[in-house]
Amino acid sequence: MLYEIIVGMKATLMHLLRFRSITILYPHEKKALLDNYLSMLGVFRYDHGKD
């Protein structure tokens, strides 16, 4: 049982030491879309004005 705790703590510590930000500051930085991105970005509205 002690071994499993030590292994878990090692994994947690390694994750904390390799920390890198995975978020972007959206209005200022925009993520580039891939060339093969097939979805369409947009807001579709119904006839009665609701999204």
PDB file of N, CA and C in Angstrom:
ATOM      1  N   MET A   1       0.820  -1.192   0.000  1.00  0.00           N
ATOM      2  CA  MET A   1       0.000   0.000   0.000  1.00  0.00           C
ATOM      3  C   MET A   1       0.869   1.263   0.000  1.00  0.00           C
ATOM      4  N   LEU A   2       1.939   1.230   0.747  1.00  0.00           N
ATOM      5  CA  LEU A   2       2.822   2.390   0.792  1.00  0.00           C
ATOM      6  C   LEU A   2       3.483   2.626  -0.564  1.00  0.00           C
ATOM      7  N   TYR A   3       3.787   1.538  -1.269  1.00  0.00           N
ATOM      8  CA  TYR A   3       4.396   1.646  -2.589  1.00  0.00           C
ATOM      9  C   TYR A   3       3.476   2.385  -3.559  1.00  0.00           C
ATOM     10  N   GLU A   4       2.177   2.053  -3.550  1.00  0.00           N
ATOM     11  CA  GLU A   4       1.218   2.695  -4.447  1.00  0.00           C
ATOM     12  C   GLU A   4       1.099   4.190  -4.155  1.00  0.00           C
ATOM     13  N   ILE A   5       1.147   4.554  -2.897  1.00  0.00           N
ATOM     14  CA  ILE A   5       1.078   5.973  -2.513  1.00  0.00           C
ATOM     15  C   ILE A   5       2.304   6.713  -3.026  1.00  0.00           C
ATOM     16  N   ILE A   6       3.467   6.093  -2.886  1.00  0.00           N
ATOM     17  CA  ILE A   6       4.702   6.726  -3.357  1.00  0.00           C
ATOM     18  C   ILE A   6       4.676   6.886  -4.879  1.00  0.00           C
ATOM     19  N   VAL A   7       4.221   5.860  -5.588  1.00  0.00           N
ATOM     20  CA  VAL A   7       4.140   5.945  -7.052  1.00  0.00           C
ATOM     21  C   VAL A   7       3.158   7.040  -7.470  1.00  0.00           C
ATOM     22  N   GLY A   8       2.030   7.148  -6.781  1.00  0.00           N
ATOM     23  CA  GLY A   8       1.056   8.196  -7.082  1.00  0.00           C
ATOM     24  C   GLY A   8       1.607   9.578  -6.806  1.00  0.00           C
ATOM     25  N   MET A   9       2.309   9.743  -5.713  1.00  0.00           N
ATOM     26  CA  MET A   9       2.909  11.034  -5.384  1.00  0.00           C
ATOM     27  C   MET A   9       3.998  11.396  -6.401  1.00  0.00           C
ATOM     28  N   LYS A  10       4.740  10.390  -6.889  1.00  0.00           N
ATOM     29  CA  LYS A  10       5.761  10.648  -7.899  1.00  0.00           C
ATOM     30  C   LYS A  10       5.108  11.143  -9.186  1.00  0.00           C
ATOM     31  N   ALA A  11       4.007  10.505  -9.590  1.00  0.00           N
ATOM     32  CA  ALA A  11       3.318  10.924 -10.814  1.00  0.00           C
ATOM     33  C   ALA A  11       2.790  12.346 -10.669  1.00  0.00           C
ATOM     34  N   THR A  12       2.245  12.663  -9.506  1.00  0.00           N
ATOM     35  CA  THR A  12       1.732  14.013  -9.260  1.00  0.00           C
ATOM     36  C   THR A  12       2.856  15.041  -9.296  1.00  0.00           C
ATOM     37  N   LEU A  13       3.959  14.722  -8.667  1.00  0.00           N
ATOM     38  CA  LEU A  13       5.094  15.645  -8.638  1.00  0.00           C
ATOM     39  C   LEU A  13       5.665  15.854 -10.035  1.00  0.00           C
ATOM     40  N   MET A  14       5.774  14.789 -10.817  1.00  0.00           N
ATOM     41  CA  MET A  14       6.279  14.923 -12.182  1.00  0.00           C
ATOM     42  C   MET A  14       5.348  15.786 -13.029  1.00  0.00           C
ATOM     43  N   HIS A  15       4.041  15.639 -12.827  1.00  0.00           N
ATOM     44  CA  HIS A  15       3.077  16.464 -13.560  1.00  0.00           C
ATOM     45  C   HIS A  15       3.225  17.937 -13.180  1.00  0.00           C
ATOM     46  N   LEU A  16       3.409  18.215 -11.912  1.00  0.00           N
ATOM     47  CA  LEU A  16       3.560  19.606 -11.469  1.00  0.00           C
ATOM     48  C   LEU A  16       4.851  20.230 -11.988  1.00  0.00           C
ATOM     49  N   LEU A  17       5.906  19.446 -12.092  1.00  0.00           N
ATOM     50  CA  LEU A  17       7.176  19.981 -12.572  1.00  0.00           C
ATOM     51  C   LEU A  17       7.161  20.229 -14.074  1.00  0.00           C
ATOM     52  N   ARG A  18       6.355  19.477 -14.822  1.00  0.00           N
ATOM     53  CA  ARG A  18       6.262  19.652 -16.269  1.00  0.00           C
ATOM     54  C   ARG A  18       5.090  20.545 -16.651  1.00  0.00           C
ATOM     55  N   PHE A  19       4.639  21.394 -15.768  1.00  0.00           N
ATOM     56  CA  PHE A  19       3.462  22.228 -16.010  1.00  0.00           C
ATOM     57  C   PHE A  19       3.671  23.134 -17.207  1.00  0.00           C
ATOM     58  N   ARG A  20       2.704  23.137 -18.088  1.00  0.00           N
ATOM     59  CA  ARG A  20       2.686  24.087 -19.199  1.00  0.00           C
ATOM     60  C   ARG A  20       1.240  24.516 -19.395  1.00  0.00           C
ATOM     61  N   SER A  21       1.070  25.733 -19.724  1.00  0.00           N
ATOM     62  CA  SER A  21      -0.261  26.281 -19.882  1.00  0.00           C
ATOM     63  C   SER A  21      -0.936  25.679 -21.105  1.00  0.00           C
ATOM     64  N   ILE A  22      -2.206  25.279 -20.952  1.00  0.00           N
ATOM     65  CA  ILE A  22      -2.932  24.714 -22.081  1.00  0.00           C
ATOM     66  C   ILE A  22      -4.060  25.641 -22.529  1.00  0.00           C
ATOM     67  N   THR A  23      -4.168  26.769 -21.901  1.00  0.00           N
ATOM     68  CA  THR A  23      -5.199  27.725 -22.288  1.00  0.00           C
ATOM     69  C   THR A  23      -4.577  28.892 -23.038  1.00  0.00           C
ATOM     70  N   ILE A  24      -5.404  29.613 -23.755  1.00  0.00           N
ATOM     71  CA  ILE A  24      -4.934  30.811 -24.439  1.00  0.00           C
ATOM     72  C   ILE A  24      -5.776  31.989 -23.971  1.00  0.00           C
ATOM     73  N   LEU A  25      -5.255  33.167 -24.103  1.00  0.00           N
ATOM     74  CA  LEU A  25      -6.000  34.377 -23.775  1.00  0.00           C
ATOM     75  C   LEU A  25      -6.798  34.747 -25.019  1.00  0.00           C
ATOM     76  N   TYR A  26      -8.045  34.299 -25.093  1.00  0.00           N
ATOM     77  CA  TYR A  26      -8.807  34.280 -26.334  1.00  0.00           C
ATOM     78  C   TYR A  26      -8.850  35.594 -27.116  1.00  0.00           C
ATOM     79  N   PRO A  27      -9.273  36.700 -26.544  1.00  0.00           N
ATOM     80  CA  PRO A  27      -9.395  37.863 -27.437  1.00  0.00           C
ATOM     81  C   PRO A  27      -8.052  38.312 -28.009  1.00  0.00           C
ATOM     82  N   HIS A  28      -6.982  38.059 -27.289  1.00  0.00           N
ATOM     83  CA  HIS A  28      -5.673  38.538 -27.724  1.00  0.00           C
ATOM     84  C   HIS A  28      -4.917  37.498 -28.543  1.00  0.00           C
ATOM     85  N   GLU A  29      -5.105  36.224 -28.211  1.00  0.00           N
ATOM     86  CA  GLU A  29      -4.437  35.142 -28.929  1.00  0.00           C
ATOM     87  C   GLU A  29      -5.504  34.231 -29.508  1.00  0.00           C
ATOM     88  N   LYS A  30      -5.415  33.957 -30.776  1.00  0.00           N
ATOM     89  CA  LYS A  30      -6.378  33.063 -31.396  1.00  0.00           C
ATOM     90  C   LYS A  30      -5.657  31.833 -31.911  1.00  0.00           C
ATOM     91  N   LYS A  31      -6.241  30.678 -31.651  1.00  0.00           N
ATOM     92  CA  LYS A  31      -5.660  29.423 -32.077  1.00  0.00           C
ATOM     93  C   LYS A  31      -5.923  29.226 -33.569  1.00  0.00           C
ATOM     94  N   ALA A  32      -4.895  28.873 -34.294  1.00  0.00           N
ATOM     95  CA  ALA A  32      -5.042  28.651 -35.727  1.00  0.00           C
ATOM     96  C   ALA A  32      -5.774  27.336 -35.975  1.00  0.00           C
ATOM     97  N   LEU A  33      -6.713  27.357 -36.918  1.00  0.00           N
ATOM     98  CA  LEU A  33      -7.432  26.146 -37.271  1.00  0.00           C
ATOM     99  C   LEU A  33      -6.602  25.338 -38.257  1.00  0.00           C
ATOM    100  N   LEU A  34      -6.754  24.037 -38.200  1.00  0.00           N
ATOM    101  CA  LEU A  34      -6.037  23.169 -39.124  1.00  0.00           C
ATOM    102  C   LEU A  34      -6.607  23.305 -40.525  1.00  0.00           C
ATOM    103  N   ASP A  35      -5.801  22.984 -41.519  1.00  0.00           N
ATOM    104  CA  ASP A  35      -6.244  23.071 -42.912  1.00  0.00           C
ATOM    105  C   ASP A  35      -7.378  22.095 -43.212  1.00  0.00           C
ATOM    106  N   ASN A  36      -7.414  20.968 -42.517  1.00  0.00           N
ATOM    107  CA  ASN A  36      -8.441  19.969 -42.779  1.00  0.00           C
ATOM    108  C   ASN A  36      -9.629  20.087 -41.817  1.00  0.00           C
ATOM    109  N   TYR A  37      -9.836  21.236 -41.212  1.00  0.00           N
ATOM    110  CA  TYR A  37     -10.966  21.473 -40.315  1.00  0.00           C
ATOM    111  C   TYR A  37     -12.236  21.562 -41.141  1.00  0.00           C
ATOM    112  N   LEU A  38     -13.206  20.696 -40.891  1.00  0.00           N
ATOM    113  CA  LEU A  38     -14.372  20.584 -41.750  1.00  0.00           C
ATOM    114  C   LEU A  38     -15.616  21.279 -41.208  1.00  0.00           C
ATOM    115  N   SER A  39     -15.609  21.703 -39.977  1.00  0.00           N
ATOM    116  CA  SER A  39     -16.793  22.300 -39.380  1.00  0.00           C
ATOM    117  C   SER A  39     -16.908  23.779 -39.763  1.00  0.00           C
ATOM    118  N   MET A  40     -18.126  24.286 -39.740  1.00  0.00           N
ATOM    119  CA  MET A  40     -18.352  25.688 -40.050  1.00  0.00           C
ATOM    120  C   MET A  40     -18.591  26.443 -38.740  1.00  0.00           C
ATOM    121  N   LEU A  41     -17.917  27.550 -38.577  1.00  0.00           N
ATOM    122  CA  LEU A  41     -18.103  28.370 -37.390  1.00  0.00           C
ATOM    123  C   LEU A  41     -19.171  29.408 -37.676  1.00  0.00           C
ATOM    124  N   GLY A  42     -20.148  29.509 -36.818  1.00  0.00           N
ATOM    125  CA  GLY A  42     -21.181  30.510 -37.019  1.00  0.00           C
ATOM    126  C   GLY A  42     -22.323  30.345 -36.043  1.00  0.00           C
ATOM    127  N   VAL A  43     -23.132  31.383 -35.938  1.00  0.00           N
ATOM    128  CA  VAL A  43     -24.322  31.354 -35.099  1.00  0.00           C
ATOM    129  C   VAL A  43     -25.521  31.335 -36.031  1.00  0.00           C
ATOM    130  N   PHE A  44     -26.349  30.351 -35.852  1.00  0.00           N
ATOM    131  CA  PHE A  44     -27.542  30.238 -36.682  1.00  0.00           C
ATOM    132  C   PHE A  44     -28.747  30.751 -35.898  1.00  0.00           C
ATOM    133  N   ARG A  45     -29.575  31.547 -36.528  1.00  0.00           N
ATOM    134  CA  ARG A  45     -30.745  32.105 -35.859  1.00  0.00           C
ATOM    135  C   ARG A  45     -32.008  31.574 -36.513  1.00  0.00           C
ATOM    136  N   TYR A  46     -33.001  31.352 -35.672  1.00  0.00           N
ATOM    137  CA  TYR A  46     -34.304  30.923 -36.169  1.00  0.00           C
ATOM    138  C   TYR A  46     -35.106  32.132 -36.609  1.00  0.00           C
ATOM    139  N   ASP A  47     -36.217  31.918 -37.265  1.00  0.00           N
ATOM    140  CA  ASP A  47     -37.038  33.013 -37.771  1.00  0.00           C
ATOM    141  C   ASP A  47     -37.544  33.927 -36.666  1.00  0.00           C
ATOM    142  N   HIS A  48     -37.788  33.395 -35.472  1.00  0.00           N
ATOM    143  CA  HIS A  48     -38.339  34.217 -34.393  1.00  0.00           C
ATOM    144  C   HIS A  48     -37.251  34.932 -33.607  1.00  0.00           C
ATOM    145  N   GLY A  49     -36.008  34.910 -34.048  1.00  0.00           N
ATOM    146  CA  GLY A  49     -34.947  35.726 -33.460  1.00  0.00           C
ATOM    147  C   GLY A  49     -34.154  35.056 -32.354  1.00  0.00           C
ATOM    148  N   LYS A  50     -34.528  33.867 -31.947  1.00  0.00           N
ATOM    149  CA  LYS A  50     -33.793  33.174 -30.894  1.00  0.00           C
ATOM    150  C   LYS A  50     -32.608  32.430 -31.516  1.00  0.00           C
ATOM    151  N   ASP A  51     -31.560  32.236 -30.717  1.00  0.00           N
ATOM    152  CA  ASP A  51     -30.378  31.478 -31.186  1.00  0.00           C
ATOM    153  C   ASP A  51     -30.691  30.009 -31.241  1.00  0.00           C
TER     154      ASP A  51
END
